[in-house]
Amino acid sequence: MEPRSPQCFERSGEAPVAITALPPAIDYASEADVRGLVESGKLVAVEDTREQLPLRLDLPTIRRRLDTGDYSLIAYEEIISVERKSAADLIRCTARDRGRFDRCVTRLLEFPYPLMVIENPWAAIVSEARFGRVSPAFVERSCIEWMRKGLPIIFCASPLTAAETVQKFLLRSARDYDRMSKVQQEGAGRGLG
């Protein structure tokens, strides 16, 4: 399987994210392709099978069911979790689906690297909330509550910038986790762990 761009992302370093245009369709990797890529040290994104309007990442990607979140990486599914929301999803999660989403936030916070990415700017949330039955202040209080619990939330300008943000977070989190694991292993080898 050919990656969707000339770039491949290796665990040893971070390459720049280059998402310049939306491809006509997402070209998902097969299980065989994934095995080969992972064995060669490449990072492969995992997209939850329930994603209805998936982001277009510039990484080889496979669709698999994730217990928590919408995006992760192969071999990091218990380490990194990204929850992606549109404006309408976020508003729904603060009102009608609040109980279910609070449980989702609790699960997200169990990950060493959790993130919620909103694919719209705050102004779009306010605008959409005003047309519904949820006040913008209520949505804001909900986001602040989740952030106070420890969940980072990033509002993006568009789905395209949300894809860039998700990809950067996945790559940097994997690099950080690998670096920390290496330090711990070296410390344990010296009797420090």
C-alpha atoms as a PDB file:
ATOM      1  CA  MET A   1       0.000   0.000   0.000  1.00  0.00           C
ATOM      2  CA  GLU A   2       1.331   3.418  -0.886  1.00  0.00           C
ATOM      3  CA  PRO A   3       0.999   6.142   1.765  1.00  0.00           C
ATOM      4  CA  ARG A   4      -1.326   8.985   0.837  1.00  0.00           C
ATOM      5  CA  SER A   5       1.586  11.333   0.424  1.00  0.00           C
ATOM      6  CA  PRO A   6       5.292  11.040  -0.265  1.00  0.00           C
ATOM      7  CA  GLN A   7       5.913  11.368   3.486  1.00  0.00           C
ATOM      8  CA  CYS A   8       6.070   8.521   5.978  1.00  0.00           C
ATOM      9  CA  PHE A   9       6.179   9.154   9.693  1.00  0.00           C
ATOM     10  CA  GLU A  10       8.728   7.205  11.650  1.00  0.00           C
ATOM     11  CA  ARG A  11       8.809   6.644  15.392  1.00  0.00           C
ATOM     12  CA  SER A  12      12.328   8.021  15.517  1.00  0.00           C
ATOM     13  CA  GLY A  13      11.269  11.563  14.691  1.00  0.00           C
ATOM     14  CA  GLU A  14       8.491  13.878  13.742  1.00  0.00           C
ATOM     15  CA  ALA A  15       7.899  14.897  10.158  1.00  0.00           C
ATOM     16  CA  PRO A  16       5.917  18.001   9.271  1.00  0.00           C
ATOM     17  CA  VAL A  17       2.218  17.587   8.739  1.00  0.00           C
ATOM     18  CA  ALA A  18       1.312  18.442   5.170  1.00  0.00           C
ATOM     19  CA  ILE A  19      -2.416  18.371   4.605  1.00  0.00           C
ATOM     20  CA  THR A  20      -2.979  20.677   1.701  1.00  0.00           C
ATOM     21  CA  ALA A  21      -6.080  19.382  -0.070  1.00  0.00           C
ATOM     22  CA  LEU A  22      -8.752  16.847   0.613  1.00  0.00           C
ATOM     23  CA  PRO A  23      -8.353  13.666  -1.402  1.00  0.00           C
ATOM     24  CA  PRO A  24     -11.458  12.460  -3.218  1.00  0.00           C
ATOM     25  CA  ALA A  25     -11.812   9.522  -0.821  1.00  0.00           C
ATOM     26  CA  ILE A  26      -9.969   8.081   2.125  1.00  0.00           C
ATOM     27  CA  ASP A  27      -7.753   5.194   1.095  1.00  0.00           C
ATOM     28  CA  TYR A  28      -7.786   2.896   4.121  1.00  0.00           C
ATOM     29  CA  ALA A  29      -4.961   0.469   4.729  1.00  0.00           C
ATOM     30  CA  SER A  30      -5.648  -3.260   4.734  1.00  0.00           C
ATOM     31  CA  GLU A  31      -4.723  -5.460   7.701  1.00  0.00           C
ATOM     32  CA  ALA A  32      -1.821  -6.913   5.670  1.00  0.00           C
ATOM     33  CA  ASP A  33      -0.570  -3.418   4.799  1.00  0.00           C
ATOM     34  CA  VAL A  34      -0.807  -2.400   8.449  1.00  0.00           C
ATOM     35  CA  ARG A  35       1.261  -5.375   9.607  1.00  0.00           C
ATOM     36  CA  GLY A  36       3.998  -4.515   7.118  1.00  0.00           C
ATOM     37  CA  LEU A  37       3.992  -0.827   8.010  1.00  0.00           C
ATOM     38  CA  VAL A  38       4.083  -1.468  11.762  1.00  0.00           C
ATOM     39  CA  GLU A  39       6.824  -4.086  11.402  1.00  0.00           C
ATOM     40  CA  SER A  40       8.910  -1.532   9.498  1.00  0.00           C
ATOM     41  CA  GLY A  41       8.459   1.038  12.294  1.00  0.00           C
ATOM     42  CA  LYS A  42       5.854   3.243  10.609  1.00  0.00           C
ATOM     43  CA  LEU A  43       2.989   4.790  12.526  1.00  0.00           C
ATOM     44  CA  VAL A  44      -0.519   3.895  11.410  1.00  0.00           C
ATOM     45  CA  ALA A  45      -3.592   5.832  12.518  1.00  0.00           C
ATOM     46  CA  VAL A  46      -6.674   4.041  13.816  1.00  0.00           C
ATOM     47  CA  GLU A  47     -10.044   5.592  13.065  1.00  0.00           C
ATOM     48  CA  ASP A  48     -13.090   4.355  14.959  1.00  0.00           C
ATOM     49  CA  THR A  49     -15.575   2.492  12.762  1.00  0.00           C
ATOM     50  CA  ARG A  50     -18.386   4.700  14.094  1.00  0.00           C
ATOM     51  CA  GLU A  51     -16.888   7.876  12.610  1.00  0.00           C
ATOM     52  CA  GLN A  52     -19.452   9.086  10.086  1.00  0.00           C
ATOM     53  CA  LEU A  53     -17.508  11.987   8.561  1.00  0.00           C
ATOM     54  CA  PRO A  54     -13.886  10.970   9.069  1.00  0.00           C
ATOM     55  CA  LEU A  55     -11.009  13.385   9.086  1.00  0.00           C
ATOM     56  CA  ARG A  56      -8.492  12.963   6.294  1.00  0.00           C
ATOM     57  CA  LEU A  57      -5.175  12.345   7.968  1.00  0.00           C
ATOM     58  CA  ASP A  58      -1.914  12.269   6.058  1.00  0.00           C
ATOM     59  CA  LEU A  59      -1.011   8.924   7.632  1.00  0.00           C
ATOM     60  CA  PRO A  60      -1.776   5.380   6.630  1.00  0.00           C
ATOM     61  CA  THR A  61      -5.118   4.750   8.351  1.00  0.00           C
ATOM     62  CA  ILE A  62      -7.160   1.711   9.250  1.00  0.00           C
ATOM     63  CA  ARG A  63     -10.739   1.593  10.517  1.00  0.00           C
ATOM     64  CA  ARG A  64     -11.177  -0.398  13.712  1.00  0.00           C
ATOM     65  CA  ARG A  65     -13.555  -0.126  16.614  1.00  0.00           C
ATOM     66  CA  LEU A  66     -12.057   1.929  19.423  1.00  0.00           C
ATOM     67  CA  ASP A  67     -13.574   1.541  22.882  1.00  0.00           C
ATOM     68  CA  THR A  68     -12.937   5.215  23.613  1.00  0.00           C
ATOM     69  CA  GLY A  69     -12.378   8.124  21.269  1.00  0.00           C
ATOM     70  CA  ASP A  70     -12.331   8.458  17.512  1.00  0.00           C
ATOM     71  CA  TYR A  71      -8.602   8.375  16.666  1.00  0.00           C
ATOM     72  CA  SER A  72      -5.468   6.690  17.952  1.00  0.00           C
ATOM     73  CA  LEU A  73      -2.423   4.878  16.561  1.00  0.00           C
ATOM     74  CA  ILE A  74      -1.756   1.153  16.145  1.00  0.00           C
ATOM     75  CA  ALA A  75       0.039  -0.082  19.289  1.00  0.00           C
ATOM     76  CA  TYR A  76      -1.013   3.071  21.198  1.00  0.00           C
ATOM     77  CA  GLU A  77      -4.748   2.366  21.515  1.00  0.00           C
ATOM     78  CA  GLU A  78      -4.471   2.215  25.329  1.00  0.00           C
ATOM     79  CA  ILE A  79      -2.158   5.258  25.467  1.00  0.00           C
ATOM     80  CA  ILE A  80      -3.522   7.921  23.081  1.00  0.00           C
ATOM     81  CA  SER A  81      -7.175   8.791  22.488  1.00  0.00           C
ATOM     82  CA  VAL A  82      -8.621  11.686  20.508  1.00  0.00           C
ATOM     83  CA  GLU A  83     -12.317  12.504  20.615  1.00  0.00           C
ATOM     84  CA  ARG A  84     -13.441  14.599  17.656  1.00  0.00           C
ATOM     85  CA  LYS A  85     -16.610  16.710  17.733  1.00  0.00           C
ATOM     86  CA  SER A  86     -18.400  19.022  15.332  1.00  0.00           C
ATOM     87  CA  ALA A  87     -20.280  22.036  16.694  1.00  0.00           C
ATOM     88  CA  ALA A  88     -23.576  20.127  16.595  1.00  0.00           C
ATOM     89  CA  ASP A  89     -22.001  17.082  18.315  1.00  0.00           C
ATOM     90  CA  LEU A  90     -20.544  19.222  21.072  1.00  0.00           C
ATOM     91  CA  ILE A  91     -23.853  20.946  21.742  1.00  0.00           C
ATOM     92  CA  ARG A  92     -25.664  17.604  21.818  1.00  0.00           C
ATOM     93  CA  CYS A  93     -23.063  16.227  24.252  1.00  0.00           C
ATOM     94  CA  THR A  94     -23.614  19.113  26.654  1.00  0.00           C
ATOM     95  CA  ALA A  95     -27.381  18.631  26.712  1.00  0.00           C
ATOM     96  CA  ARG A  96     -29.320  15.601  25.516  1.00  0.00           C
ATOM     97  CA  ASP A  97     -26.367  13.150  25.584  1.00  0.00           C
ATOM     98  CA  ARG A  98     -24.645  14.642  28.655  1.00  0.00           C
ATOM     99  CA  GLY A  99     -24.667  11.522  30.831  1.00  0.00           C
ATOM    100  CA  ARG A 100     -23.250   9.322  28.087  1.00  0.00           C
ATOM    101  CA  PHE A 101     -20.615  11.878  27.169  1.00  0.00           C
ATOM    102  CA  ASP A 102     -19.564  12.451  30.789  1.00  0.00           C
ATOM    103  CA  ARG A 103     -18.836   8.707  30.929  1.00  0.00           C
ATOM    104  CA  CYS A 104     -16.823   9.080  27.713  1.00  0.00           C
ATOM    105  CA  VAL A 105     -14.829  11.944  29.274  1.00  0.00           C
ATOM    106  CA  THR A 106     -14.150   9.789  32.341  1.00  0.00           C
ATOM    107  CA  ARG A 107     -12.757   7.042  30.066  1.00  0.00           C
ATOM    108  CA  LEU A 108     -10.708   9.579  28.066  1.00  0.00           C
ATOM    109  CA  LEU A 109      -9.103  10.838  31.261  1.00  0.00           C
ATOM    110  CA  GLU A 110      -7.789   7.327  31.956  1.00  0.00           C
ATOM    111  CA  PHE A 111      -5.456   7.688  28.948  1.00  0.00           C
ATOM    112  CA  PRO A 112      -1.984   9.173  29.417  1.00  0.00           C
ATOM    113  CA  TYR A 113      -2.603  11.262  26.242  1.00  0.00           C
ATOM    114  CA  PRO A 114      -6.251  12.347  25.867  1.00  0.00           C
ATOM    115  CA  LEU A 115      -7.556  15.157  23.668  1.00  0.00           C
ATOM    116  CA  MET A 116     -10.894  16.513  22.492  1.00  0.00           C
ATOM    117  CA  VAL A 117     -10.740  18.327  19.172  1.00  0.00           C
ATOM    118  CA  ILE A 118     -13.662  20.513  18.109  1.00  0.00           C
ATOM    119  CA  GLU A 119     -13.613  21.003  14.356  1.00  0.00           C
ATOM    120  CA  ASN A 120     -15.219  24.447  14.583  1.00  0.00           C
ATOM    121  CA  PRO A 121     -14.179  27.728  16.193  1.00  0.00           C
ATOM    122  CA  TRP A 122     -15.934  28.901  19.341  1.00  0.00           C
ATOM    123  CA  ALA A 123     -17.944  31.474  17.325  1.00  0.00           C
ATOM    124  CA  ALA A 124     -19.552  28.622  15.355  1.00  0.00           C
ATOM    125  CA  ILE A 125     -20.498  26.879  18.592  1.00  0.00           C
ATOM    126  CA  VAL A 126     -22.122  30.060  19.904  1.00  0.00           C
ATOM    127  CA  SER A 127     -23.961  30.616  16.632  1.00  0.00           C
ATOM    128  CA  GLU A 128     -25.256  27.039  16.437  1.00  0.00           C
ATOM    129  CA  ALA A 129     -26.228  26.939  20.117  1.00  0.00           C
ATOM    130  CA  ARG A 130     -28.341  30.079  19.739  1.00  0.00           C
ATOM    131  CA  PHE A 131     -30.521  28.294  17.175  1.00  0.00           C
ATOM    132  CA  GLY A 132     -31.062  25.323  19.486  1.00  0.00           C
ATOM    133  CA  ARG A 133     -32.333  24.929  23.002  1.00  0.00           C
ATOM    134  CA  VAL A 134     -28.911  25.101  24.636  1.00  0.00           C
ATOM    135  CA  SER A 135     -27.405  28.406  25.659  1.00  0.00           C
ATOM    136  CA  PRO A 136     -23.812  29.152  24.624  1.00  0.00           C
ATOM    137  CA  ALA A 137     -23.048  29.776  28.314  1.00  0.00           C
ATOM    138  CA  PHE A 138     -24.150  26.221  29.133  1.00  0.00           C
ATOM    139  CA  VAL A 139     -21.873  24.772  26.442  1.00  0.00           C
ATOM    140  CA  GLU A 140     -19.019  26.942  27.720  1.00  0.00           C
ATOM    141  CA  ARG A 141     -19.547  25.803  31.328  1.00  0.00           C
ATOM    142  CA  SER A 142     -19.532  22.181  30.181  1.00  0.00           C
ATOM    143  CA  CYS A 143     -16.239  22.636  28.299  1.00  0.00           C
ATOM    144  CA  ILE A 144     -14.682  24.391  31.268  1.00  0.00           C
ATOM    145  CA  GLU A 145     -15.837  21.589  33.570  1.00  0.00           C
ATOM    146  CA  TRP A 146     -14.224  18.963  31.319  1.00  0.00           C
ATOM    147  CA  MET A 147     -11.009  21.012  31.092  1.00  0.00           C
ATOM    148  CA  ARG A 148     -10.910  21.415  34.892  1.00  0.00           C
ATOM    149  CA  LYS A 149     -11.093  17.628  35.156  1.00  0.00           C
ATOM    150  CA  GLY A 150      -7.969  17.505  32.973  1.00  0.00           C
ATOM    151  CA  LEU A 151      -9.250  17.020  29.420  1.00  0.00           C
ATOM    152  CA  PRO A 152      -7.471  19.259  26.919  1.00  0.00           C
ATOM    153  CA  ILE A 153      -9.906  20.752  24.393  1.00  0.00           C
ATOM    154  CA  ILE A 154      -8.802  22.452  21.183  1.00  0.00           C
ATOM    155  CA  PHE A 155     -11.186  24.455  18.981  1.00  0.00           C
ATOM    156  CA  CYS A 156     -10.100  24.423  15.336  1.00  0.00           C
ATOM    157  CA  ALA A 157     -11.019  26.646  12.408  1.00  0.00           C
ATOM    158  CA  SER A 158     -12.281  23.811  10.183  1.00  0.00           C
ATOM    159  CA  PRO A 159     -12.259  20.045   9.692  1.00  0.00           C
ATOM    160  CA  LEU A 160      -9.003  20.498   7.758  1.00  0.00           C
ATOM    161  CA  THR A 161      -7.245  22.171  10.687  1.00  0.00           C
ATOM    162  CA  ALA A 162      -8.849  19.600  13.009  1.00  0.00           C
ATOM    163  CA  ALA A 163      -7.190  16.868  10.915  1.00  0.00           C
ATOM    164  CA  GLU A 164      -3.825  18.624  11.192  1.00  0.00           C
ATOM    165  CA  THR A 165      -4.278  19.000  14.949  1.00  0.00           C
ATOM    166  CA  VAL A 166      -5.255  15.353  15.430  1.00  0.00           C
ATOM    167  CA  GLN A 167      -2.314  14.180  13.363  1.00  0.00           C
ATOM    168  CA  LYS A 168       0.205  16.384  15.169  1.00  0.00           C
ATOM    169  CA  PHE A 169      -1.167  15.262  18.532  1.00  0.00           C
ATOM    170  CA  LEU A 170      -0.969  11.574  17.591  1.00  0.00           C
ATOM    171  CA  LEU A 171       2.609  11.862  16.305  1.00  0.00           C
ATOM    172  CA  ARG A 172       3.908  14.000  19.165  1.00  0.00           C
ATOM    173  CA  SER A 173       2.175  11.889  21.806  1.00  0.00           C
ATOM    174  CA  ALA A 174       3.670   8.683  20.383  1.00  0.00           C
ATOM    175  CA  ARG A 175       7.116  10.287  20.263  1.00  0.00           C
ATOM    176  CA  ASP A 176       6.761  11.540  23.849  1.00  0.00           C
ATOM    177  CA  TYR A 177       5.489   8.182  25.106  1.00  0.00           C
ATOM    178  CA  ASP A 178       8.339   6.315  23.382  1.00  0.00           C
ATOM    179  CA  ARG A 179      10.893   8.749  24.821  1.00  0.00           C
ATOM    180  CA  MET A 180       9.459   8.389  28.337  1.00  0.00           C
ATOM    181  CA  SER A 181       9.360   4.582  28.028  1.00  0.00           C
ATOM    182  CA  LYS A 182      13.002   4.549  26.928  1.00  0.00           C
ATOM    183  CA  VAL A 183      14.028   6.725  29.889  1.00  0.00           C
ATOM    184  CA  GLN A 184      12.148   4.439  32.288  1.00  0.00           C
ATOM    185  CA  GLN A 185      13.737   1.326  30.777  1.00  0.00           C
ATOM    186  CA  GLU A 186      17.212   2.860  31.017  1.00  0.00           C
ATOM    187  CA  GLY A 187      16.536   3.857  34.622  1.00  0.00           C
ATOM    188  CA  ALA A 188      15.311   0.375  35.464  1.00  0.00           C
ATOM    189  CA  GLY A 189      18.415  -1.091  33.813  1.00  0.00           C
ATOM    190  CA  ARG A 190      20.558   0.989  36.159  1.00  0.00           C
ATOM    191  CA  GLY A 191      18.504   0.003  39.186  1.00  0.00           C
ATOM    192  CA  LEU A 192      16.777   3.391  39.360  1.00  0.00           C
ATOM    193  CA  GLY A 193      13.246   2.247  38.484  1.00  0.00           C
END
